[in-house]
Amino acid sequence: MVAESANRARAHHALVHDLLAQGLGLREVGRHLGWGGHTVQRHARATNWQSMV
């Protein structure tokens, strides 16, 4: 279970940062992924995926 949540956190963190690096804004990332703004912000502000677990 822990490994699954860690894998998910790693993937989501990378996905958000990749989209931001492509020039999308936080709102655009949220719309693209179907996530709420606070979820996107948490991933965007996290310096690494480990802080998301």
Protein backbone atom coordinates (compact mmCIF):
# COMPACT_ATOMS: atom_id res chain seq x y z
CA MET A 1 0.00 0.00 0.00
CA VAL A 2 2.73 2.46 0.93
CA ALA A 3 4.65 1.69 -2.25
CA GLU A 4 1.52 2.37 -4.31
CA SER A 5 0.94 5.77 -2.71
CA ALA A 6 4.63 6.63 -3.10
CA ASN A 7 4.53 5.68 -6.78
CA ARG A 8 1.38 7.74 -7.27
CA ALA A 9 2.90 10.75 -5.47
CA ARG A 10 6.06 10.48 -7.57
CA ALA A 11 4.08 10.29 -10.81
CA HIS A 12 1.70 13.14 -9.92
CA HIS A 13 4.53 15.40 -8.77
CA ALA A 14 6.47 14.77 -11.99
CA LEU A 15 3.36 15.27 -14.12
CA VAL A 16 2.53 18.64 -12.56
CA HIS A 17 6.11 19.87 -12.84
CA ASP A 18 6.38 18.70 -16.45
CA LEU A 19 3.22 20.57 -17.41
CA LEU A 20 4.41 23.69 -15.59
CA ALA A 21 7.76 23.43 -17.40
CA GLN A 22 5.86 23.36 -20.70
CA GLY A 23 4.44 26.75 -19.82
CA LEU A 24 1.00 25.86 -18.51
CA GLY A 25 -0.31 27.84 -15.56
CA LEU A 26 -1.66 26.30 -12.36
CA ARG A 27 -5.27 26.68 -13.49
CA GLU A 28 -4.49 25.17 -16.88
CA VAL A 29 -2.78 22.21 -15.24
CA GLY A 30 -5.80 21.71 -12.99
CA ARG A 31 -8.20 21.81 -15.91
CA HIS A 32 -6.01 19.48 -17.96
CA LEU A 33 -5.81 16.90 -15.17
CA GLY A 34 -9.30 17.42 -13.78
CA TRP A 35 -7.87 18.33 -10.36
CA GLY A 36 -8.77 21.10 -7.96
CA GLY A 37 -6.59 24.15 -7.66
CA HIS A 38 -5.32 23.34 -4.18
CA THR A 39 -4.20 19.88 -5.26
CA VAL A 40 -2.22 21.34 -8.14
CA GLN A 41 -0.73 24.00 -5.86
CA ARG A 42 0.39 21.40 -3.30
CA HIS A 43 2.22 19.43 -5.99
CA ALA A 44 3.66 22.57 -7.58
CA ARG A 45 4.97 23.93 -4.29
CA ALA A 46 6.51 20.64 -3.17
CA THR A 47 10.23 20.62 -3.81
CA ASN A 48 10.23 16.83 -4.15
CA TRP A 49 7.72 14.02 -4.31
CA GLN A 50 8.67 12.70 -0.87
CA SER A 51 7.04 15.70 0.77
CA MET A 52 3.74 14.66 -0.86
CA VAL A 53 3.55 11.25 0.85
